[in-house]
Amino acid sequence: MKRVKVGLWLWALVLLMGWSATVSSAAFFESRHRRKLMPPDPATTSFELNRVGSSVVFPVHGNVYPTGQYNVTLTIGQPPKPYFLDPDTGSDLTWLQCDVPGAICTETPHPLYRPSKDLVGCRDPLCIALHFPKTPKCDIPEQCDYEVKYADGGSSLGVLVKDSFYFNSTNGVQLKPRLALGCGYDQHSISSNHPIDGVLGLGRGKTSTVSQLHSQGLVRNVVGHCLSGRGGGFLFFGDDVYDSSRVDWTPMSRDYTEHYSPGFAELRFDGKPTGLKNLLTVFDSASTYTYLTSEAYQTLTSSVKRDIPGEYLREDPKDEALPLCWKGKRPFKRVSDVRKHFKPLALDFTNGGKTKTYELPPEAYLIISSKGNVCLGILNGSEVGLQNSNIIGGKFSMYM
């Protein structure tokens, strides 16, 4: 059984085609600073860029608490303008709230996106891929309509267009590809507490931004993010920003191709079995917290409560930050103040007779509330309609 140790409390899960991996933040940053990035010859083609190593790195802003959301800035359009997008590995389509007559939009931090006139047709392969396994209705053959719905009740309705995106690659070249994105003219319940301009779709489908970049030969089909427990972090496309020798791989499930899922896991608490096996697990960067099925949640919280020393911590039901919070003798400032009273969690993934372990120390599943209490950042997914899936949220994950 191999264990993945993650340093500096910066979490990473790496998604590469049909594989997932865990890598320490130390490996990520050592790789970035060790490599000398030489700008390629101006005549270099996109596929030659790919061979010499080309990646794009974005700063990530936000935090798990109190903001409850992360965002990255993308520059899109002609003329180019910045937009704040919510990175989401749980969906494919990138879209912006759109400045068109009659649009229904939520609050945005920037002026609404003015779409290009370059419509994606209904029979375009990207439109067909977006609607798969269904087929587009094609009431208007010249345009591709879309509708996306999210687990939190948010939704966007619009049409696909192509426009210019602007990326600064790690080898010094500015990439200016034309990519498909959604022009959303009807949005509901999108980040009312933290305004965004749209969503950055990073799923496994052909319409995701990283998949489109890969199809043009600009980056490898790899997307990863490192999110700090203190807020902020990095998002990257491509494979030249991490030390591959320190990556531990496990294959993605072929039975659950819609999401980044390594399949079924066994949950352990403090290195000991909890009796919870066959937990269908999905990694989702847009989910602020982690959600377990009702049975898994009840078992885990019982284990956590049973292990907490009552002389140091007691439950505080008046703290509304999260369902389960504990008060100490004095307010806590950071998770490190209280980590010794909590045990690590682990998810074991077995494939082909080999087991890989994804370890989650207390810093990965605890937050400090505004009252100075320590709270459990794991919630009951059955209460929000997630049924049989266990969603591993953004704080836990770095993808590659």
Protein backbone atom coordinates (compact mmCIF):
# COMPACT_ATOMS: atom_id res chain seq x y z
CA MET A 1 0.00 0.00 0.00
CA LYS A 2 1.49 3.31 -1.08
CA ARG A 3 0.83 6.49 0.83
CA VAL A 4 0.78 9.99 -0.54
CA LYS A 5 2.20 12.56 1.86
CA VAL A 6 1.23 16.14 1.12
CA GLY A 7 3.41 18.94 2.47
CA LEU A 8 2.80 22.58 3.39
CA TRP A 9 -0.94 21.89 3.65
CA LEU A 10 -1.43 22.82 0.02
CA TRP A 11 -3.60 20.20 -1.64
CA ALA A 12 -3.29 18.86 -5.13
CA LEU A 13 -5.03 16.32 -7.33
CA VAL A 14 -3.82 16.06 -10.91
CA LEU A 15 -6.04 14.98 -13.79
CA LEU A 16 -4.43 13.59 -16.94
CA MET A 17 -6.81 12.06 -19.48
CA GLY A 18 -8.00 8.87 -17.75
CA TRP A 19 -5.71 9.11 -14.73
CA SER A 20 -5.67 10.97 -11.46
CA ALA A 21 -2.72 11.61 -9.21
CA THR A 22 -1.71 13.21 -5.98
CA VAL A 23 1.43 15.26 -5.60
CA SER A 24 2.83 17.32 -2.77
CA SER A 25 2.88 21.08 -2.99
CA ALA A 26 6.60 20.89 -2.33
CA ALA A 27 7.02 18.85 -5.51
CA PHE A 28 4.91 21.36 -7.44
CA PHE A 29 6.89 24.40 -6.33
CA GLU A 30 10.31 22.70 -6.53
CA SER A 31 9.55 21.79 -10.13
CA ARG A 32 8.47 25.33 -10.98
CA HIS A 33 11.57 26.95 -9.55
CA ARG A 34 14.05 24.32 -10.72
CA ARG A 35 13.19 24.39 -14.40
CA LYS A 36 14.70 27.11 -16.54
CA LEU A 37 12.00 28.18 -18.95
CA MET A 38 13.51 29.19 -22.30
CA PRO A 39 11.34 31.07 -24.79
CA PRO A 40 10.96 29.08 -28.02
CA ASP A 41 11.76 30.29 -31.48
CA PRO A 42 8.98 32.56 -32.80
CA ALA A 43 8.42 30.15 -35.68
CA THR A 44 7.65 27.28 -33.31
CA THR A 45 4.38 25.57 -34.18
CA SER A 46 1.78 24.71 -31.57
CA PHE A 47 2.65 21.02 -31.62
CA GLU A 48 6.36 21.81 -31.26
CA LEU A 49 5.44 23.99 -28.27
CA ASN A 50 3.76 20.94 -26.80
CA ARG A 51 6.88 18.80 -27.20
CA VAL A 52 9.24 21.29 -25.54
CA GLY A 53 6.81 21.78 -22.68
CA SER A 54 4.16 24.46 -22.51
CA SER A 55 1.87 25.19 -19.59
CA VAL A 56 -0.33 28.01 -18.34
CA VAL A 57 -0.46 28.96 -14.66
CA PHE A 58 -3.14 31.17 -13.09
CA PRO A 59 -3.26 32.62 -9.58
CA VAL A 60 -6.34 31.45 -7.69
CA HIS A 61 -8.13 33.90 -5.39
CA GLY A 62 -10.57 33.13 -2.60
CA ASN A 63 -10.80 30.71 0.31
CA VAL A 64 -12.92 27.99 1.83
CA TYR A 65 -14.06 30.22 4.71
CA PRO A 66 -15.45 32.83 4.95
CA THR A 67 -15.68 33.49 1.18
CA GLY A 68 -16.66 29.94 0.33
CA GLN A 69 -15.43 30.18 -3.25
CA TYR A 70 -12.35 30.44 -5.48
CA ASN A 71 -11.92 32.24 -8.80
CA VAL A 72 -9.35 32.78 -11.53
CA THR A 73 -9.00 35.66 -13.99
CA LEU A 74 -9.22 34.92 -17.71
CA THR A 75 -8.76 37.48 -20.48
CA ILE A 76 -11.25 37.00 -23.31
CA GLY A 77 -12.59 38.90 -26.32
CA GLN A 78 -11.62 41.57 -28.82
CA PRO A 79 -10.58 43.88 -27.32
CA PRO A 80 -9.39 41.60 -24.49
CA LYS A 81 -11.09 42.11 -21.12
CA PRO A 82 -10.65 40.37 -17.75
CA TYR A 83 -13.31 38.16 -16.19
CA PHE A 84 -13.53 36.31 -12.88
CA LEU A 85 -14.48 32.67 -13.42
CA ASP A 86 -15.27 29.89 -10.98
CA PRO A 87 -13.00 26.90 -11.88
CA ASP A 88 -15.12 23.75 -12.02
CA THR A 89 -13.76 20.27 -12.70
CA GLY A 90 -17.32 18.97 -12.34
CA SER A 91 -18.57 20.51 -15.61
CA ASP A 92 -17.26 21.00 -19.15
CA LEU A 93 -18.57 24.27 -20.51
CA THR A 94 -16.89 27.63 -19.92
CA TRP A 95 -19.44 30.44 -20.07
CA LEU A 96 -19.80 34.14 -19.32
CA GLN A 97 -22.84 36.20 -18.41
CA CYS A 98 -23.67 37.94 -21.64
CA ASP A 99 -24.62 41.48 -22.65
CA VAL A 100 -27.54 40.81 -25.01
CA PRO A 101 -31.08 42.27 -25.15
CA GLY A 102 -33.40 40.76 -22.55
CA ALA A 103 -30.63 38.98 -20.65
CA ILE A 104 -31.33 37.77 -17.11
CA CYS A 105 -28.06 37.95 -15.21
CA THR A 106 -26.87 37.88 -11.62
CA GLU A 107 -24.46 40.43 -10.14
CA THR A 108 -21.03 40.45 -11.81
CA PRO A 109 -17.71 42.05 -10.81
CA HIS A 110 -17.08 43.25 -14.40
CA PRO A 111 -19.24 44.58 -17.23
CA LEU A 112 -21.17 41.81 -18.99
CA TYR A 113 -19.39 40.01 -21.82
CA ARG A 114 -20.20 41.33 -25.28
CA PRO A 115 -20.20 38.25 -27.51
CA SER A 116 -18.48 37.85 -30.82
CA LYS A 117 -20.60 37.18 -33.89
CA ASP A 118 -18.76 33.89 -34.48
CA LEU A 119 -21.54 31.45 -33.60
CA VAL A 120 -20.93 27.73 -33.14
CA GLY A 121 -23.30 25.82 -35.43
CA CYS A 122 -25.72 23.17 -34.24
CA ARG A 123 -23.91 20.42 -36.20
CA ASP A 124 -20.47 21.47 -35.01
CA PRO A 125 -18.61 18.59 -33.27
CA LEU A 126 -18.30 20.72 -30.11
CA CYS A 127 -22.07 21.23 -29.99
CA ILE A 128 -22.68 17.52 -30.50
CA ALA A 129 -20.15 16.68 -27.77
CA LEU A 130 -21.75 19.18 -25.39
CA HIS A 131 -25.20 17.57 -25.77
CA PHE A 132 -24.01 13.93 -25.76
CA PRO A 133 -25.57 11.39 -25.22
CA LYS A 134 -28.56 13.41 -26.43
CA THR A 135 -28.56 15.21 -29.78
CA PRO A 136 -29.09 18.96 -30.28
CA LYS A 137 -32.57 19.95 -31.47
CA CYS A 138 -31.19 22.33 -34.13
CA ASP A 139 -34.27 24.55 -34.35
CA ILE A 140 -31.82 27.19 -35.57
CA PRO A 141 -29.05 25.32 -37.47
CA GLU A 142 -26.69 28.29 -37.32
CA GLN A 143 -26.44 28.26 -33.51
CA CYS A 144 -25.79 25.83 -30.69
CA ASP A 145 -28.05 26.31 -27.68
CA TYR A 146 -26.98 25.10 -24.25
CA GLU A 147 -28.34 24.77 -20.74
CA VAL A 148 -26.23 23.77 -17.74
CA LYS A 149 -27.55 23.04 -14.26
CA TYR A 150 -25.52 22.69 -11.09
CA ALA A 151 -26.08 20.71 -7.90
CA ASP A 152 -26.51 23.91 -5.85
CA GLY A 153 -29.49 24.96 -7.97
CA GLY A 154 -27.62 27.41 -10.22
CA SER A 155 -28.09 27.35 -13.98
CA SER A 156 -27.12 29.09 -17.21
CA LEU A 157 -28.93 29.14 -20.55
CA GLY A 158 -27.38 30.53 -23.71
CA VAL A 159 -25.64 29.92 -27.03
CA LEU A 160 -22.10 28.88 -27.97
CA VAL A 161 -19.75 31.37 -29.62
CA LYS A 162 -16.05 31.38 -30.44
CA ASP A 163 -13.78 34.17 -29.26
CA SER A 164 -10.14 34.92 -28.55
CA PHE A 165 -8.60 33.80 -25.25
CA TYR A 166 -5.25 35.13 -24.04
CA PHE A 167 -2.80 32.97 -22.06
CA ASN A 168 0.81 33.58 -21.04
CA SER A 169 2.58 30.22 -21.34
CA THR A 170 5.48 29.14 -19.16
CA ASN A 171 7.87 29.28 -22.12
CA GLY A 172 7.31 32.98 -22.64
CA VAL A 173 4.88 32.81 -25.57
CA GLN A 174 1.47 34.45 -25.42
CA LEU A 175 -1.15 32.05 -26.72
CA LYS A 176 -4.17 33.56 -28.50
CA PRO A 177 -6.41 30.65 -29.45
CA ARG A 178 -10.03 30.96 -30.50
CA LEU A 179 -12.10 28.75 -28.22
CA ALA A 180 -15.78 28.00 -27.82
CA LEU A 181 -17.56 29.38 -24.78
CA GLY A 182 -21.12 29.95 -23.69
CA CYS A 183 -22.81 33.34 -23.99
CA GLY A 184 -25.22 33.06 -21.08
CA TYR A 185 -28.38 35.14 -21.40
CA ASP A 186 -30.42 33.53 -18.59
CA GLN A 187 -28.71 32.85 -15.24
CA HIS A 188 -30.25 31.87 -11.92
CA SER A 189 -28.82 31.44 -8.40
CA ILE A 190 -25.21 31.88 -9.49
CA SER A 191 -22.97 32.87 -6.56
CA SER A 192 -25.26 35.42 -4.96
CA ASN A 193 -22.85 35.89 -2.04
CA HIS A 194 -19.73 36.16 -4.19
CA PRO A 195 -20.32 37.67 -7.66
CA ILE A 196 -18.60 36.02 -10.62
CA ASP A 197 -18.63 36.64 -14.35
CA GLY A 198 -19.02 32.98 -15.25
CA VAL A 199 -17.71 29.45 -14.89
CA LEU A 200 -14.46 27.92 -16.17
CA GLY A 201 -15.39 24.38 -17.23
CA LEU A 202 -12.50 21.95 -16.65
CA GLY A 203 -14.30 18.61 -17.00
CA ARG A 204 -13.32 15.61 -19.10
CA GLY A 205 -15.46 16.51 -22.15
CA LYS A 206 -14.30 17.91 -25.49
CA THR A 207 -15.85 21.32 -24.81
CA SER A 208 -13.79 22.04 -21.69
CA THR A 209 -11.21 24.80 -22.07
CA VAL A 210 -8.22 22.54 -21.43
CA SER A 211 -9.54 19.92 -23.89
CA GLN A 212 -9.88 22.58 -26.59
CA LEU A 213 -6.35 23.85 -25.90
CA HIS A 214 -5.07 20.29 -26.13
CA SER A 215 -6.91 19.67 -29.43
CA GLN A 216 -5.04 22.68 -30.86
CA GLY A 217 -1.72 21.26 -29.67
CA LEU A 218 -1.05 24.09 -27.22
CA VAL A 219 -0.86 22.18 -23.91
CA ARG A 220 -0.95 18.60 -22.71
CA ASN A 221 -4.36 17.39 -21.59
CA VAL A 222 -3.56 18.02 -17.92
CA VAL A 223 -5.34 20.29 -15.46
CA GLY A 224 -4.26 20.80 -11.87
CA HIS A 225 -4.87 23.07 -8.93
CA CYS A 226 -3.17 23.74 -5.61
CA LEU A 227 -5.36 25.40 -2.98
CA SER A 228 -3.94 26.66 0.28
CA GLY A 229 -5.80 26.27 3.54
CA ARG A 230 -4.92 29.92 4.14
CA GLY A 231 -6.60 31.01 0.90
CA GLY A 232 -5.43 31.45 -2.66
CA GLY A 233 -3.39 29.03 -4.73
CA PHE A 234 -2.66 28.12 -8.35
CA LEU A 235 -4.44 26.56 -11.32
CA PHE A 236 -2.45 25.15 -14.22
CA PHE A 237 -2.92 23.57 -17.66
CA GLY A 238 -0.10 21.42 -19.07
CA ASP A 239 2.53 19.16 -17.58
CA ASP A 240 5.79 21.06 -17.11
CA VAL A 241 5.07 22.62 -13.70
CA TYR A 242 5.36 19.58 -11.45
CA ASP A 243 7.92 16.90 -10.63
CA SER A 244 6.50 13.74 -12.19
CA SER A 245 8.80 11.53 -10.13
CA ARG A 246 6.87 12.57 -7.02
CA VAL A 247 3.42 11.92 -8.48
CA ASP A 248 1.44 8.85 -7.41
CA TRP A 249 -1.05 7.80 -10.08
CA THR A 250 -4.37 5.98 -9.98
CA PRO A 251 -6.58 5.45 -13.05
CA MET A 252 -9.92 7.15 -13.51
CA SER A 253 -12.95 4.89 -13.59
CA ARG A 254 -14.17 3.96 -17.07
CA ASP A 255 -17.66 3.49 -15.65
CA TYR A 256 -18.05 7.13 -14.56
CA THR A 257 -16.65 9.12 -17.45
CA GLU A 258 -18.81 12.20 -16.86
CA HIS A 259 -16.72 13.29 -13.86
CA TYR A 260 -13.21 12.89 -12.46
CA SER A 261 -13.82 9.75 -10.46
CA PRO A 262 -11.23 7.13 -9.47
CA GLY A 263 -14.18 4.88 -8.65
CA PHE A 264 -14.84 3.37 -5.24
CA ALA A 265 -12.87 4.03 -2.08
CA GLU A 266 -12.58 2.74 1.47
CA LEU A 267 -12.51 5.35 4.24
CA ARG A 268 -10.09 5.04 7.15
CA PHE A 269 -9.89 7.15 10.30
CA ASP A 270 -6.56 7.42 12.13
CA GLY A 271 -5.25 4.57 9.99
CA LYS A 272 -8.02 2.23 11.08
CA PRO A 273 -10.91 0.88 8.96
CA THR A 274 -14.26 2.56 9.50
CA GLY A 275 -16.20 -0.21 7.82
CA LEU A 276 -17.11 2.18 5.01
CA LYS A 277 -16.26 0.62 1.65
CA ASN A 278 -17.44 1.02 -1.93
CA LEU A 279 -17.78 4.79 -1.59
CA LEU A 280 -18.27 6.23 -5.08
CA THR A 281 -15.89 9.21 -5.08
CA VAL A 282 -15.85 12.28 -7.35
CA PHE A 283 -13.30 15.12 -7.24
CA ASP A 284 -14.89 18.53 -7.86
CA SER A 285 -12.92 21.78 -7.59
CA ALA A 286 -16.08 23.92 -7.54
CA SER A 287 -17.39 22.29 -4.39
CA THR A 288 -16.14 24.32 -1.43
CA TYR A 289 -16.63 21.50 1.06
CA THR A 290 -16.61 17.73 0.91
CA TYR A 291 -19.94 15.89 0.92
CA LEU A 292 -20.43 12.27 2.03
CA THR A 293 -23.46 10.03 1.79
CA SER A 294 -25.61 9.98 4.91
CA GLU A 295 -24.21 6.66 6.17
CA ALA A 296 -20.61 7.71 5.60
CA TYR A 297 -21.21 11.12 7.19
CA GLN A 298 -22.81 9.66 10.32
CA THR A 299 -20.04 7.07 10.72
CA LEU A 300 -17.29 9.64 10.26
CA THR A 301 -18.76 12.26 12.58
CA SER A 302 -19.30 9.59 15.26
CA SER A 303 -15.63 8.60 14.98
CA VAL A 304 -14.49 12.23 15.17
CA LYS A 305 -16.69 13.04 18.18
CA ARG A 306 -15.66 9.91 20.02
CA ASP A 307 -11.99 10.74 19.59
CA ILE A 308 -12.14 14.40 20.70
CA PRO A 309 -10.96 15.07 24.29
CA GLY A 310 -13.92 16.65 26.10
CA GLU A 311 -11.70 18.53 28.53
CA TYR A 312 -10.32 20.63 25.65
CA LEU A 313 -13.18 20.90 23.16
CA ARG A 314 -16.97 20.97 23.36
CA GLU A 315 -19.60 21.35 20.68
CA ASP A 316 -20.96 24.82 20.02
CA PRO A 317 -24.40 24.49 18.35
CA LYS A 318 -24.73 28.31 18.30
CA ASP A 319 -21.97 28.61 15.70
CA GLU A 320 -23.76 28.70 12.35
CA ALA A 321 -20.61 28.58 10.20
CA LEU A 322 -21.02 24.82 9.67
CA PRO A 323 -23.21 22.08 11.16
CA LEU A 324 -20.51 20.76 13.51
CA CYS A 325 -18.21 23.15 15.41
CA TRP A 326 -16.23 22.90 18.66
CA LYS A 327 -15.27 25.60 21.13
CA GLY A 328 -11.98 25.62 23.02
CA LYS A 329 -10.99 27.30 26.27
CA ARG A 330 -10.01 30.30 24.16
CA PRO A 331 -10.65 31.20 20.49
CA PHE A 332 -8.45 29.49 17.91
CA LYS A 333 -6.63 31.53 15.27
CA ARG A 334 -5.58 28.71 12.95
CA VAL A 335 -6.10 24.99 12.47
CA SER A 336 -2.57 24.27 13.69
CA ASP A 337 -3.71 25.43 17.14
CA VAL A 338 -6.02 22.44 17.42
CA ARG A 339 -4.78 19.80 14.94
CA LYS A 340 -3.33 17.57 17.68
CA HIS A 341 -6.88 16.80 18.84
CA PHE A 342 -7.95 15.47 15.41
CA LYS A 343 -6.84 12.42 13.47
CA PRO A 344 -6.02 12.03 9.77
CA LEU A 345 -8.48 10.56 7.30
CA ALA A 346 -7.58 8.45 4.29
CA LEU A 347 -9.24 7.18 1.13
CA ASP A 348 -7.97 3.88 -0.27
CA PHE A 349 -8.45 3.30 -4.00
CA THR A 350 -7.82 -0.23 -5.26
CA ASN A 351 -7.30 -0.96 -8.94
CA GLY A 352 -5.79 -4.05 -10.51
CA GLY A 353 -4.86 -5.43 -7.12
CA LYS A 354 -2.90 -2.29 -6.18
CA THR A 355 -4.05 0.14 -3.50
CA LYS A 356 -3.22 3.83 -3.50
CA THR A 357 -3.98 5.96 -0.45
CA TYR A 358 -5.01 9.60 -0.49
CA GLU A 359 -4.29 10.99 2.98
CA LEU A 360 -6.21 13.91 4.48
CA PRO A 361 -4.64 15.43 7.58
CA PRO A 362 -6.74 17.68 9.86
CA GLU A 363 -5.72 20.80 7.92
CA ALA A 364 -7.55 19.34 4.91
CA TYR A 365 -10.95 18.98 6.53
CA LEU A 366 -11.12 21.65 9.28
CA ILE A 367 -11.72 25.41 9.24
CA ILE A 368 -11.64 28.12 11.92
CA SER A 369 -14.90 30.07 12.10
CA SER A 370 -15.30 33.79 12.76
CA LYS A 371 -16.04 32.90 16.39
CA GLY A 372 -12.68 31.20 16.76
CA ASN A 373 -14.20 27.71 16.82
CA VAL A 374 -12.91 24.74 14.86
CA CYS A 375 -15.48 23.32 12.42
CA LEU A 376 -15.75 20.16 10.33
CA GLY A 377 -15.61 20.98 6.61
CA ILE A 378 -17.35 17.74 5.68
CA LEU A 379 -21.11 17.82 5.16
CA ASN A 380 -24.00 15.39 4.69
CA GLY A 381 -24.48 15.21 0.93
CA SER A 382 -27.81 13.43 1.24
CA GLU A 383 -29.28 16.62 2.70
CA VAL A 384 -28.50 18.53 -0.51
CA GLY A 385 -29.63 15.83 -2.92
CA LEU A 386 -26.28 14.28 -3.87
CA GLN A 387 -27.64 10.74 -3.44
CA ASN A 388 -24.93 8.06 -3.66
CA SER A 389 -21.92 10.17 -4.64
CA ASN A 390 -19.18 11.35 -2.28
CA ILE A 391 -17.87 14.71 -3.51
CA ILE A 392 -14.30 15.62 -2.57
CA GLY A 393 -14.25 19.41 -2.58
CA GLY A 394 -11.68 21.98 -3.62
CA LYS A 395 -9.74 22.31 -0.38
CA PHE A 396 -8.82 18.64 -0.50
CA SER A 397 -7.64 18.48 -4.05
CA MET A 398 -4.96 19.22 -6.57
CA TYR A 399 -5.58 17.68 -9.98
CA MET A 400 -3.24 16.62 -12.70
